[in-house]
Amino acid sequence: MVESVGGRAGEMGGNASSDVNDAVTSEISALRAEVASIRAMLSEVSSEAYERMSRNAEQAAHYVQDEAVSVAGAIREHPATATTLMTLIAGIGFAIGYLVASTNLEQKQAWYRRYY
């Protein structure tokens, strides 16, 4: 009689572990399905974003190309003005660089001249 009770307890334990195993398996299957749906959604969103960025980059490239052509045309029509403008810009850039460098040099030398 003791054996039959012990046998039944073992069978019930087997059913419980089987039920837990089935529950875990179903949860894993549900999670895999959810991950697959999220992956598909991300793929679709990234595809749309790539297409949008591609279109915007193409439009920007055409715009820059059109502007470069118009600037080149203006330089061809007025080479003296373009040369003068570039020389003026280079001179202003040199002057700004010189002022920044000389100001920076004065600040570096000032720390030890304070103590004389």
PDB file of N, CA and C in Angstrom:
ATOM      1  N   MET A   1       0.798  -1.179   0.000  1.00  0.00           N
ATOM      2  CA  MET A   1       0.000   0.000   0.000  1.00  0.00           C
ATOM      3  C   MET A   1       0.853   1.261   0.000  1.00  0.00           C
ATOM      4  N   VAL A   2       1.947   1.192   0.680  1.00  0.00           N
ATOM      5  CA  VAL A   2       2.840   2.331   0.727  1.00  0.00           C
ATOM      6  C   VAL A   2       3.432   2.575  -0.649  1.00  0.00           C
ATOM      7  N   GLU A   3       3.702   1.496  -1.359  1.00  0.00           N
ATOM      8  CA  GLU A   3       4.273   1.646  -2.684  1.00  0.00           C
ATOM      9  C   GLU A   3       3.312   2.333  -3.641  1.00  0.00           C
ATOM     10  N   SER A   4       2.044   2.000  -3.539  1.00  0.00           N
ATOM     11  CA  SER A   4       1.083   2.606  -4.449  1.00  0.00           C
ATOM     12  C   SER A   4       0.931   4.098  -4.170  1.00  0.00           C
ATOM     13  N   VAL A   5       1.009   4.513  -2.929  1.00  0.00           N
ATOM     14  CA  VAL A   5       0.924   5.935  -2.589  1.00  0.00           C
ATOM     15  C   VAL A   5       2.181   6.651  -3.079  1.00  0.00           C
ATOM     16  N   GLY A   6       3.338   6.027  -2.869  1.00  0.00           N
ATOM     17  CA  GLY A   6       4.584   6.613  -3.338  1.00  0.00           C
ATOM     18  C   GLY A   6       4.613   6.677  -4.845  1.00  0.00           C
ATOM     19  N   GLY A   7       4.073   5.662  -5.507  1.00  0.00           N
ATOM     20  CA  GLY A   7       4.021   5.657  -6.958  1.00  0.00           C
ATOM     21  C   GLY A   7       3.140   6.765  -7.485  1.00  0.00           C
ATOM     22  N   ARG A   8       2.045   6.977  -6.845  1.00  0.00           N
ATOM     23  CA  ARG A   8       1.133   8.046  -7.274  1.00  0.00           C
ATOM     24  C   ARG A   8       1.747   9.430  -7.032  1.00  0.00           C
ATOM     25  N   ALA A   9       2.454   9.588  -5.954  1.00  0.00           N
ATOM     26  CA  ALA A   9       3.115  10.868  -5.673  1.00  0.00           C
ATOM     27  C   ALA A   9       4.163  11.146  -6.732  1.00  0.00           C
ATOM     28  N   GLY A  10       4.884  10.112  -7.163  1.00  0.00           N
ATOM     29  CA  GLY A  10       5.876  10.275  -8.223  1.00  0.00           C
ATOM     30  C   GLY A  10       5.214  10.654  -9.536  1.00  0.00           C
ATOM     31  N   GLU A  11       4.068  10.069  -9.804  1.00  0.00           N
ATOM     32  CA  GLU A  11       3.343  10.409 -11.041  1.00  0.00           C
ATOM     33  C   GLU A  11       2.841  11.843 -10.995  1.00  0.00           C
ATOM     34  N   MET A  12       2.380  12.284  -9.844  1.00  0.00           N
ATOM     35  CA  MET A  12       1.887  13.655  -9.717  1.00  0.00           C
ATOM     36  C   MET A  12       3.037  14.635  -9.868  1.00  0.00           C
ATOM     37  N   GLY A  13       4.200  14.280  -9.311  1.00  0.00           N
ATOM     38  CA  GLY A  13       5.371  15.129  -9.460  1.00  0.00           C
ATOM     39  C   GLY A  13       5.774  15.203 -10.918  1.00  0.00           C
ATOM     40  N   GLY A  14       5.675  14.112 -11.650  1.00  0.00           N
ATOM     41  CA  GLY A  14       5.984  14.091 -13.074  1.00  0.00           C
ATOM     42  C   GLY A  14       5.022  14.956 -13.861  1.00  0.00           C
ATOM     43  N   ASN A  15       3.748  14.922 -13.514  1.00  0.00           N
ATOM     44  CA  ASN A  15       2.755  15.766 -14.184  1.00  0.00           C
ATOM     45  C   ASN A  15       2.997  17.242 -13.903  1.00  0.00           C
ATOM     46  N   ALA A  16       3.383  17.552 -12.683  1.00  0.00           N
ATOM     47  CA  ALA A  16       3.632  18.947 -12.321  1.00  0.00           C
ATOM     48  C   ALA A  16       4.836  19.479 -13.077  1.00  0.00           C
ATOM     49  N   SER A  17       5.900  18.663 -13.144  1.00  0.00           N
ATOM     50  CA  SER A  17       7.074  19.128 -13.869  1.00  0.00           C
ATOM     51  C   SER A  17       6.783  19.208 -15.366  1.00  0.00           C
ATOM     52  N   SER A  18       5.945  18.329 -15.862  1.00  0.00           N
ATOM     53  CA  SER A  18       5.548  18.379 -17.269  1.00  0.00           C
ATOM     54  C   SER A  18       4.735  19.640 -17.551  1.00  0.00           C
ATOM     55  N   ASP A  19       3.855  19.979 -16.613  1.00  0.00           N
ATOM     56  CA  ASP A  19       3.057  21.198 -16.774  1.00  0.00           C
ATOM     57  C   ASP A  19       3.953  22.439 -16.752  1.00  0.00           C
ATOM     58  N   VAL A  20       4.916  22.453 -15.845  1.00  0.00           N
ATOM     59  CA  VAL A  20       5.848  23.580 -15.767  1.00  0.00           C
ATOM     60  C   VAL A  20       6.680  23.646 -17.038  1.00  0.00           C
ATOM     61  N   ASN A  21       7.134  22.501 -17.505  1.00  0.00           N
ATOM     62  CA  ASN A  21       7.908  22.437 -18.737  1.00  0.00           C
ATOM     63  C   ASN A  21       7.103  22.965 -19.918  1.00  0.00           C
ATOM     64  N   ASP A  22       5.836  22.559 -20.004  1.00  0.00           N
ATOM     65  CA  ASP A  22       4.970  23.034 -21.084  1.00  0.00           C
ATOM     66  C   ASP A  22       4.739  24.544 -20.985  1.00  0.00           C
ATOM     67  N   ALA A  23       4.583  25.042 -19.758  1.00  0.00           N
ATOM     68  CA  ALA A  23       4.359  26.477 -19.567  1.00  0.00           C
ATOM     69  C   ALA A  23       5.588  27.266 -19.995  1.00  0.00           C
ATOM     70  N   VAL A  24       6.767  26.782 -19.615  1.00  0.00           N
ATOM     71  CA  VAL A  24       8.005  27.461 -19.986  1.00  0.00           C
ATOM     72  C   VAL A  24       8.193  27.419 -21.499  1.00  0.00           C
ATOM     73  N   THR A  25       7.901  26.271 -22.090  1.00  0.00           N
ATOM     74  CA  THR A  25       8.029  26.134 -23.543  1.00  0.00           C
ATOM     75  C   THR A  25       7.076  27.080 -24.262  1.00  0.00           C
ATOM     76  N   SER A  26       5.846  27.188 -23.769  1.00  0.00           N
ATOM     77  CA  SER A  26       4.894  28.103 -24.410  1.00  0.00           C
ATOM     78  C   SER A  26       5.316  29.555 -24.231  1.00  0.00           C
ATOM     79  N   GLU A  27       5.875  29.890 -23.060  1.00  0.00           N
ATOM     80  CA  GLU A  27       6.374  31.251 -22.841  1.00  0.00           C
ATOM     81  C   GLU A  27       7.531  31.563 -23.785  1.00  0.00           C
ATOM     82  N   ILE A  28       8.445  30.611 -23.945  1.00  0.00           N
ATOM     83  CA  ILE A  28       9.578  30.810 -24.850  1.00  0.00           C
ATOM     84  C   ILE A  28       9.088  30.984 -26.276  1.00  0.00           C
ATOM     85  N   SER A  29       8.105  30.202 -26.679  1.00  0.00           N
ATOM     86  CA  SER A  29       7.549  30.335 -28.028  1.00  0.00           C
ATOM     87  C   SER A  29       6.897  31.698 -28.219  1.00  0.00           C
ATOM     88  N   ALA A  30       6.168  32.148 -27.194  1.00  0.00           N
ATOM     89  CA  ALA A  30       5.526  33.465 -27.276  1.00  0.00           C
ATOM     90  C   ALA A  30       6.574  34.566 -27.364  1.00  0.00           C
ATOM     91  N   LEU A  31       7.642  34.451 -26.574  1.00  0.00           N
ATOM     92  CA  LEU A  31       8.710  35.460 -26.616  1.00  0.00           C
ATOM     93  C   LEU A  31       9.422  35.459 -27.964  1.00  0.00           C
ATOM     94  N   ARG A  32       9.652  34.277 -28.533  1.00  0.00           N
ATOM     95  CA  ARG A  32      10.277  34.208 -29.850  1.00  0.00           C
ATOM     96  C   ARG A  32       9.405  34.862 -30.911  1.00  0.00           C
ATOM     97  N   ALA A  33       8.098  34.630 -30.825  1.00  0.00           N
ATOM     98  CA  ALA A  33       7.178  35.260 -31.782  1.00  0.00           C
ATOM     99  C   ALA A  33       7.184  36.773 -31.617  1.00  0.00           C
ATOM    100  N   GLU A  34       7.242  37.236 -30.376  1.00  0.00           N
ATOM    101  CA  GLU A  34       7.271  38.682 -30.118  1.00  0.00           C
ATOM    102  C   GLU A  34       8.567  39.302 -30.625  1.00  0.00           C
ATOM    103  N   VAL A  35       9.686  38.627 -30.410  1.00  0.00           N
ATOM    104  CA  VAL A  35      10.971  39.116 -30.911  1.00  0.00           C
ATOM    105  C   VAL A  35      10.962  39.162 -32.426  1.00  0.00           C
ATOM    106  N   ALA A  36      10.372  38.169 -33.059  1.00  0.00           N
ATOM    107  CA  ALA A  36      10.288  38.153 -34.523  1.00  0.00           C
ATOM    108  C   ALA A  36       9.441  39.317 -35.026  1.00  0.00           C
ATOM    109  N   SER A  37       8.335  39.617 -34.356  1.00  0.00           N
ATOM    110  CA  SER A  37       7.497  40.738 -34.789  1.00  0.00           C
ATOM    111  C   SER A  37       8.218  42.065 -34.576  1.00  0.00           C
ATOM    112  N   ILE A  38       8.941  42.203 -33.471  1.00  0.00           N
ATOM    113  CA  ILE A  38       9.707  43.431 -33.225  1.00  0.00           C
ATOM    114  C   ILE A  38      10.803  43.582 -34.265  1.00  0.00           C
ATOM    115  N   ARG A  39      11.470  42.487 -34.601  1.00  0.00           N
ATOM    116  CA  ARG A  39      12.513  42.519 -35.620  1.00  0.00           C
ATOM    117  C   ARG A  39      11.937  42.954 -36.973  1.00  0.00           C
ATOM    118  N   ALA A  40      10.771  42.430 -37.327  1.00  0.00           N
ATOM    119  CA  ALA A  40      10.138  42.812 -38.590  1.00  0.00           C
ATOM    120  C   ALA A  40       9.753  44.290 -38.584  1.00  0.00           C
ATOM    121  N   MET A  41       9.239  44.764 -37.447  1.00  0.00           N
ATOM    122  CA  MET A  41       8.849  46.172 -37.350  1.00  0.00           C
ATOM    123  C   MET A  41      10.070  47.080 -37.455  1.00  0.00           C
ATOM    124  N   LEU A  42      11.160  46.718 -36.779  1.00  0.00           N
ATOM    125  CA  LEU A  42      12.384  47.507 -36.866  1.00  0.00           C
ATOM    126  C   LEU A  42      12.952  47.503 -38.277  1.00  0.00           C
ATOM    127  N   SER A  43      12.866  46.387 -38.934  1.00  0.00           N
ATOM    128  CA  SER A  43      13.350  46.304 -40.311  1.00  0.00           C
ATOM    129  C   SER A  43      12.562  47.240 -41.216  1.00  0.00           C
ATOM    130  N   GLU A  44      11.260  47.265 -41.023  1.00  0.00           N
ATOM    131  CA  GLU A  44      10.413  48.136 -41.839  1.00  0.00           C
ATOM    132  C   GLU A  44      10.698  49.605 -41.568  1.00  0.00           C
ATOM    133  N   VAL A  45      10.850  49.955 -40.292  1.00  0.00           N
ATOM    134  CA  VAL A  45      11.123  51.347 -39.916  1.00  0.00           C
ATOM    135  C   VAL A  45      12.481  51.780 -40.441  1.00  0.00           C
ATOM    136  N   SER A  46      13.485  50.927 -40.290  1.00  0.00           N
ATOM    137  CA  SER A  46      14.821  51.299 -40.768  1.00  0.00           C
ATOM    138  C   SER A  46      14.850  51.400 -42.291  1.00  0.00           C
ATOM    139  N   SER A  47      14.080  50.576 -42.964  1.00  0.00           N
ATOM    140  CA  SER A  47      14.004  50.656 -44.424  1.00  0.00           C
ATOM    141  C   SER A  47      13.395  51.986 -44.852  1.00  0.00           C
ATOM    142  N   GLU A  48      12.347  52.396 -44.181  1.00  0.00           N
ATOM    143  CA  GLU A  48      11.709  53.681 -44.495  1.00  0.00           C
ATOM    144  C   GLU A  48      12.663  54.840 -44.209  1.00  0.00           C
ATOM    145  N   ALA A  49      13.362  54.778 -43.092  1.00  0.00           N
ATOM    146  CA  ALA A  49      14.303  55.846 -42.743  1.00  0.00           C
ATOM    147  C   ALA A  49      15.438  55.919 -43.757  1.00  0.00           C
ATOM    148  N   TYR A  50      15.920  54.772 -44.203  1.00  0.00           N
ATOM    149  CA  TYR A  50      16.988  54.744 -45.202  1.00  0.00           C
ATOM    150  C   TYR A  50      16.512  55.370 -46.511  1.00  0.00           C
ATOM    151  N   GLU A  51      15.308  55.031 -46.934  1.00  0.00           N
ATOM    152  CA  GLU A  51      14.770  55.609 -48.170  1.00  0.00           C
ATOM    153  C   GLU A  51      14.622  57.119 -48.040  1.00  0.00           C
ATOM    154  N   ARG A  52      14.127  57.576 -46.890  1.00  0.00           N
ATOM    155  CA  ARG A  52      13.955  59.012 -46.675  1.00  0.00           C
ATOM    156  C   ARG A  52      15.301  59.732 -46.688  1.00  0.00           C
ATOM    157  N   MET A  53      16.297  59.169 -45.995  1.00  0.00           N
ATOM    158  CA  MET A  53      17.622  59.799 -45.974  1.00  0.00           C
ATOM    159  C   MET A  53      18.262  59.777 -47.353  1.00  0.00           C
ATOM    160  N   SER A  54      18.042  58.716 -48.095  1.00  0.00           N
ATOM    161  CA  SER A  54      18.598  58.621 -49.439  1.00  0.00           C
ATOM    162  C   SER A  54      18.014  59.709 -50.334  1.00  0.00           C
ATOM    163  N   ARG A  55      16.697  59.892 -50.247  1.00  0.00           N
ATOM    164  CA  ARG A  55      16.050  60.948 -51.046  1.00  0.00           C
ATOM    165  C   ARG A  55      16.569  62.325 -50.648  1.00  0.00           C
ATOM    166  N   ASN A  56      16.668  62.587 -49.345  1.00  0.00           N
ATOM    167  CA  ASN A  56      17.149  63.893 -48.884  1.00  0.00           C
ATOM    168  C   ASN A  56      18.598  64.134 -49.296  1.00  0.00           C
ATOM    169  N   ALA A  57      19.430  63.109 -49.211  1.00  0.00           N
ATOM    170  CA  ALA A  57      20.829  63.260 -49.617  1.00  0.00           C
ATOM    171  C   ALA A  57      20.929  63.524 -51.117  1.00  0.00           C
ATOM    172  N   GLU A  58      20.104  62.872 -51.895  1.00  0.00           N
ATOM    173  CA  GLU A  58      20.118  63.090 -53.349  1.00  0.00           C
ATOM    174  C   GLU A  58      19.690  64.519 -53.679  1.00  0.00           C
ATOM    175  N   GLN A  59      18.651  65.002 -52.995  1.00  0.00           N
ATOM    176  CA  GLN A  59      18.201  66.380 -53.215  1.00  0.00           C
ATOM    177  C   GLN A  59      19.285  67.373 -52.800  1.00  0.00           C
ATOM    178  N   ALA A  60      19.941  67.124 -51.688  1.00  0.00           N
ATOM    179  CA  ALA A  60      21.002  68.021 -51.235  1.00  0.00           C
ATOM    180  C   ALA A  60      22.168  68.024 -52.211  1.00  0.00           C
ATOM    181  N   ALA A  61      22.512  66.858 -52.747  1.00  0.00           N
ATOM    182  CA  ALA A  61      23.610  66.781 -53.714  1.00  0.00           C
ATOM    183  C   ALA A  61      23.280  67.566 -54.980  1.00  0.00           C
ATOM    184  N   HIS A  62      22.038  67.446 -55.443  1.00  0.00           N
ATOM    185  CA  HIS A  62      21.635  68.216 -56.627  1.00  0.00           C
ATOM    186  C   HIS A  62      21.667  69.714 -56.341  1.00  0.00           C
ATOM    187  N   TYR A  63      21.216  70.113 -55.156  1.00  0.00           N
ATOM    188  CA  TYR A  63      21.221  71.523 -54.788  1.00  0.00           C
ATOM    189  C   TYR A  63      22.646  72.069 -54.757  1.00  0.00           C
ATOM    190  N   VAL A  64      23.563  71.324 -54.114  1.00  0.00           N
ATOM    191  CA  VAL A  64      24.954  71.763 -54.030  1.00  0.00           C
ATOM    192  C   VAL A  64      25.578  71.835 -55.422  1.00  0.00           C
ATOM    193  N   GLN A  65      25.255  70.862 -56.257  1.00  0.00           N
ATOM    194  CA  GLN A  65      25.792  70.862 -57.619  1.00  0.00           C
ATOM    195  C   GLN A  65      25.287  72.072 -58.394  1.00  0.00           C
ATOM    196  N   ASP A  66      24.014  72.392 -58.272  1.00  0.00           N
ATOM    197  CA  ASP A  66      23.460  73.568 -58.962  1.00  0.00           C
ATOM    198  C   ASP A  66      24.119  74.854 -58.468  1.00  0.00           C
ATOM    199  N   GLU A  67      24.316  74.964 -57.165  1.00  0.00           N
ATOM    200  CA  GLU A  67      24.950  76.157 -56.615  1.00  0.00           C
ATOM    201  C   GLU A  67      26.407  76.262 -57.064  1.00  0.00           C
ATOM    202  N   ALA A  68      27.116  75.149 -57.118  1.00  0.00           N
ATOM    203  CA  ALA A  68      28.510  75.159 -57.576  1.00  0.00           C
ATOM    204  C   ALA A  68      28.594  75.593 -59.032  1.00  0.00           C
ATOM    205  N   VAL A  69      27.650  75.138 -59.838  1.00  0.00           N
ATOM    206  CA  VAL A  69      27.630  75.544 -61.247  1.00  0.00           C
ATOM    207  C   VAL A  69      27.374  77.045 -61.359  1.00  0.00           C
ATOM    208  N   SER A  70      26.464  77.575 -60.553  1.00  0.00           N
ATOM    209  CA  SER A  70      26.176  79.014 -60.635  1.00  0.00           C
ATOM    210  C   SER A  70      27.365  79.845 -60.146  1.00  0.00           C
ATOM    211  N   VAL A  71      28.059  79.382 -59.093  1.00  0.00           N
ATOM    212  CA  VAL A  71      29.245  80.101 -58.609  1.00  0.00           C
ATOM    213  C   VAL A  71      30.348  80.048 -59.656  1.00  0.00           C
ATOM    214  N   ALA A  72      30.533  78.887 -60.266  1.00  0.00           N
ATOM    215  CA  ALA A  72      31.556  78.762 -61.307  1.00  0.00           C
ATOM    216  C   ALA A  72      31.244  79.678 -62.487  1.00  0.00           C
ATOM    217  N   GLY A  73      29.968  79.788 -62.832  1.00  0.00           N
ATOM    218  CA  GLY A  73      29.570  80.697 -63.915  1.00  0.00           C
ATOM    219  C   GLY A  73      29.866  82.142 -63.569  1.00  0.00           C
ATOM    220  N   ALA A  74      29.582  82.527 -62.327  1.00  0.00           N
ATOM    221  CA  ALA A  74      29.854  83.903 -61.903  1.00  0.00           C
ATOM    222  C   ALA A  74      31.356  84.183 -61.910  1.00  0.00           C
ATOM    223  N   ILE A  75      32.166  83.198 -61.513  1.00  0.00           N
ATOM    224  CA  ILE A  75      33.622  83.389 -61.517  1.00  0.00           C
ATOM    225  C   ILE A  75      34.140  83.512 -62.945  1.00  0.00           C
ATOM    226  N   ARG A  76      33.565  82.729 -63.852  1.00  0.00           N
ATOM    227  CA  ARG A  76      33.991  82.816 -65.262  1.00  0.00           C
ATOM    228  C   ARG A  76      33.649  84.178 -65.865  1.00  0.00           C
ATOM    229  N   GLU A  77      32.504  84.722 -65.474  1.00  0.00           N
ATOM    230  CA  GLU A  77      32.089  86.012 -66.034  1.00  0.00           C
ATOM    231  C   GLU A  77      32.883  87.175 -65.432  1.00  0.00           C
ATOM    232  N   HIS A  78      33.273  87.071 -64.180  1.00  0.00           N
ATOM    233  CA  HIS A  78      33.967  88.168 -63.491  1.00  0.00           C
ATOM    234  C   HIS A  78      35.212  87.637 -62.777  1.00  0.00           C
ATOM    235  N   PRO A  79      36.263  87.298 -63.511  1.00  0.00           N
ATOM    236  CA  PRO A  79      37.455  86.719 -62.858  1.00  0.00           C
ATOM    237  C   PRO A  79      38.195  87.720 -61.974  1.00  0.00           C
ATOM    238  N   ALA A  80      38.225  88.994 -62.356  1.00  0.00           N
ATOM    239  CA  ALA A  80      38.936  89.991 -61.546  1.00  0.00           C
ATOM    240  C   ALA A  80      38.231  90.173 -60.200  1.00  0.00           C
ATOM    241  N   THR A  81      36.929  90.220 -60.217  1.00  0.00           N
ATOM    242  CA  THR A  81      36.165  90.371 -58.970  1.00  0.00           C
ATOM    243  C   THR A  81      36.369  89.155 -58.073  1.00  0.00           C
ATOM    244  N   ALA A  82      36.356  87.966 -58.666  1.00  0.00           N
ATOM    245  CA  ALA A  82      36.549  86.742 -57.887  1.00  0.00           C
ATOM    246  C   ALA A  82      37.938  86.710 -57.260  1.00  0.00           C
ATOM    247  N   THR A  83      38.956  87.122 -58.018  1.00  0.00           N
ATOM    248  CA  THR A  83      40.318  87.140 -57.492  1.00  0.00           C
ATOM    249  C   THR A  83      40.443  88.136 -56.352  1.00  0.00           C
ATOM    250  N   THR A  84      39.858  89.299 -56.529  1.00  0.00           N
ATOM    251  CA  THR A  84      39.895  90.322 -55.483  1.00  0.00           C
ATOM    252  C   THR A  84      39.184  89.826 -54.226  1.00  0.00           C
ATOM    253  N   LEU A  85      38.046  89.199 -54.410  1.00  0.00           N
ATOM    254  CA  LEU A  85      37.274  88.687 -53.279  1.00  0.00           C
ATOM    255  C   LEU A  85      38.051  87.601 -52.526  1.00  0.00           C
ATOM    256  N   MET A  86      38.660  86.691 -53.257  1.00  0.00           N
ATOM    257  CA  MET A  86      39.441  85.622 -52.606  1.00  0.00           C
ATOM    258  C   MET A  86      40.659  86.192 -51.882  1.00  0.00           C
ATOM    259  N   THR A  87      41.307  87.181 -52.464  1.00  0.00           N
ATOM    260  CA  THR A  87      42.457  87.814 -51.816  1.00  0.00           C
ATOM    261  C   THR A  87      42.019  88.530 -50.543  1.00  0.00           C
ATOM    262  N   LEU A  88      40.897  89.212 -50.610  1.00  0.00           N
ATOM    263  CA  LEU A  88      40.369  89.909 -49.434  1.00  0.00           C
ATOM    264  C   LEU A  88      40.025  88.921 -48.323  1.00  0.00           C
ATOM    265  N   ILE A  89      39.385  87.832 -48.673  1.00  0.00           N
ATOM    266  CA  ILE A  89      39.035  86.812 -47.670  1.00  0.00           C
ATOM    267  C   ILE A  89      40.295  86.212 -47.052  1.00  0.00           C
ATOM    268  N   ALA A  90      41.313  85.934 -47.873  1.00  0.00           N
ATOM    269  CA  ALA A  90      42.570  85.387 -47.357  1.00  0.00           C
ATOM    270  C   ALA A  90      43.250  86.385 -46.428  1.00  0.00           C
ATOM    271  N   GLY A  91      43.239  87.662 -46.767  1.00  0.00           N
ATOM    272  CA  GLY A  91      43.840  88.693 -45.912  1.00  0.00           C
ATOM    273  C   GLY A  91      43.131  88.808 -44.576  1.00  0.00           C
ATOM    274  N   ILE A  92      41.812  88.775 -44.606  1.00  0.00           N
ATOM    275  CA  ILE A  92      41.046  88.845 -43.356  1.00  0.00           C
ATOM    276  C   ILE A  92      41.336  87.618 -42.489  1.00  0.00           C
ATOM    277  N   GLY A  93      41.403  86.456 -43.126  1.00  0.00           N
ATOM    278  CA  GLY A  93      41.719  85.232 -42.385  1.00  0.00           C
ATOM    279  C   GLY A  93      43.101  85.282 -41.767  1.00  0.00           C
ATOM    280  N   PHE A  94      44.075  85.789 -42.518  1.00  0.00           N
ATOM    281  CA  PHE A  94      45.433  85.934 -41.989  1.00  0.00           C
ATOM    282  C   PHE A  94      45.451  86.890 -40.809  1.00  0.00           C
ATOM    283  N   ALA A  95      44.745  88.022 -40.918  1.00  0.00           N
ATOM    284  CA  ALA A  95      44.721  89.010 -39.840  1.00  0.00           C
ATOM    285  C   ALA A  95      44.084  88.430 -38.579  1.00  0.00           C
ATOM    286  N   ILE A  96      43.001  87.702 -38.732  1.00  0.00           N
ATOM    287  CA  ILE A  96      42.352  87.093 -37.568  1.00  0.00           C
ATOM    288  C   ILE A  96      43.287  86.068 -36.929  1.00  0.00           C
ATOM    289  N   GLY A  97      43.941  85.263 -37.732  1.00  0.00           N
ATOM    290  CA  GLY A  97      44.884  84.276 -37.206  1.00  0.00           C
ATOM    291  C   GLY A  97      46.040  84.926 -36.477  1.00  0.00           C
ATOM    292  N   TYR A  98      46.558  85.995 -37.037  1.00  0.00           N
ATOM    293  CA  TYR A  98      47.672  86.711 -36.407  1.00  0.00           C
ATOM    294  C   TYR A  98      47.243  87.294 -35.067  1.00  0.00           C
ATOM    295  N   LEU A  99      46.058  87.916 -35.018  1.00  0.00           N
ATOM    296  CA  LEU A  99      45.572  88.500 -33.767  1.00  0.00           C
ATOM    297  C   LEU A  99      45.344  87.430 -32.696  1.00  0.00           C
ATOM    298  N   VAL A 100      44.773  86.310 -33.086  1.00  0.00           N
ATOM    299  CA  VAL A 100      44.531  85.242 -32.122  1.00  0.00           C
ATOM    300  C   VAL A 100      45.854  84.691 -31.602  1.00  0.00           C
ATOM    301  N   ALA A 101      46.814  84.507 -32.493  1.00  0.00           N
ATOM    302  CA  ALA A 101      48.110  83.965 -32.080  1.00  0.00           C
ATOM    303  C   ALA A 101      48.854  84.944 -31.185  1.00  0.00           C
ATOM    304  N   SER A 102      48.832  86.227 -31.515  1.00  0.00           N
ATOM    305  CA  SER A 102      49.556  87.199 -30.689  1.00  0.00           C
ATOM    306  C   SER A 102      48.867  87.374 -29.334  1.00  0.00           C
ATOM    307  N   THR A 103      47.558  87.323 -29.291  1.00  0.00           N
ATOM    308  CA  THR A 103      46.844  87.414 -28.016  1.00  0.00           C
ATOM    309  C   THR A 103      47.151  86.199 -27.161  1.00  0.00           C
ATOM    310  N   ASN A 104      47.179  85.049 -27.790  1.00  0.00           N
ATOM    311  CA  ASN A 104      47.484  83.813 -27.079  1.00  0.00           C
ATOM    312  C   ASN A 104      48.918  83.832 -26.563  1.00  0.00           C
ATOM    313  N   LEU A 105      49.844  84.379 -27.327  1.00  0.00           N
ATOM    314  CA  LEU A 105      51.241  84.474 -26.922  1.00  0.00           C
ATOM    315  C   LEU A 105      51.389  85.398 -25.724  1.00  0.00           C
ATOM    316  N   GLU A 106      50.666  86.525 -25.739  1.00  0.00           N
ATOM    317  CA  GLU A 106      50.733  87.459 -24.621  1.00  0.00           C
ATOM    318  C   GLU A 106      50.194  86.830 -23.348  1.00  0.00           C
ATOM    319  N   GLN A 107      49.160  86.036 -23.467  1.00  0.00           N
ATOM    320  CA  GLN A 107      48.594  85.396 -22.284  1.00  0.00           C
ATOM    321  C   GLN A 107      49.541  84.338 -21.728  1.00  0.00           C
ATOM    322  N   LYS A 108      50.264  83.647 -22.580  1.00  0.00           N
ATOM    323  CA  LYS A 108      51.200  82.631 -22.107  1.00  0.00           C
ATOM    324  C   LYS A 108      52.386  83.272 -21.398  1.00  0.00           C
ATOM    325  N   GLN A 109      52.849  84.433 -21.871  1.00  0.00           N
ATOM    326  CA  GLN A 109      53.998  85.084 -21.262  1.00  0.00           C
ATOM    327  C   GLN A 109      53.604  85.851 -20.006  1.00  0.00           C
ATOM    328  N   ALA A 110      52.355  86.198 -19.879  1.00  0.00           N
ATOM    329  CA  ALA A 110      51.935  87.054 -18.780  1.00  0.00           C
ATOM    330  C   ALA A 110      52.024  86.360 -17.427  1.00  0.00           C
ATOM    331  N   TRP A 111      51.926  85.069 -17.363  1.00  0.00           N
ATOM    332  CA  TRP A 111      51.880  84.406 -16.052  1.00  0.00           C
ATOM    333  C   TRP A 111      53.209  84.496 -15.305  1.00  0.00           C
ATOM    334  N   TYR A 112      54.308  84.486 -15.993  1.00  0.00           N
ATOM    335  CA  TYR A 112      55.580  84.555 -15.243  1.00  0.00           C
ATOM    336  C   TYR A 112      56.083  85.991 -15.142  1.00  0.00           C
ATOM    337  N   ARG A 113      55.562  86.916 -15.931  1.00  0.00           N
ATOM    338  CA  ARG A 113      55.979  88.320 -15.808  1.00  0.00           C
ATOM    339  C   ARG A 113      55.318  88.999 -14.623  1.00  0.00           C
ATOM    340  N   ARG A 114      54.261  88.411 -14.086  1.00  0.00           N
ATOM    341  CA  ARG A 114      53.584  88.994 -12.940  1.00  0.00           C
ATOM    342  C   ARG A 114      54.440  88.973 -11.692  1.00  0.00           C
ATOM    343  N   TYR A 115      55.381  88.063 -11.607  1.00  0.00           N
ATOM    344  CA  TYR A 115      56.122  87.873 -10.371  1.00  0.00           C
ATOM    345  C   TYR A 115      57.488  88.559 -10.370  1.00  0.00           C
ATOM    346  N   TYR A 116      57.782  89.406 -11.363  1.00  0.00           N
ATOM    347  CA  TYR A 116      59.061  90.119 -11.379  1.00  0.00           C
ATOM    348  C   TYR A 116      58.995  91.321 -10.489  1.00  0.00           C
TER     349      TYR A 116
END
